[in-house]
Amino acid sequence: MEEPAPPRAPRGAHLDAATREDLDAYGVAELNARILRLQGEVERTRAALGRKQSGRQAADALFSIRRG
């Protein structure tokens, strides 16, 4: 019999943990690397947001044509 998979962390839990992390233990190079990774995540998030907004605009345009 297979064991059940462990429960997944709620959405955003990892981000919440990262924002509470003590940064005093990091060196300058590590902090710079962290900033680069976070900037990459911001870009990835903005791209996902753009895709969602484009999809929403396309759906709104489609349904407004049908009503018009």
Foldseek 3Di string as FASTA:
>chain_A
DDDDDDDDDPPCPVVVVVVPDDCPVDDPVRVVVVVVVVVVVVVVVVVVVVVVVVVVVVVVVVVVVVVD
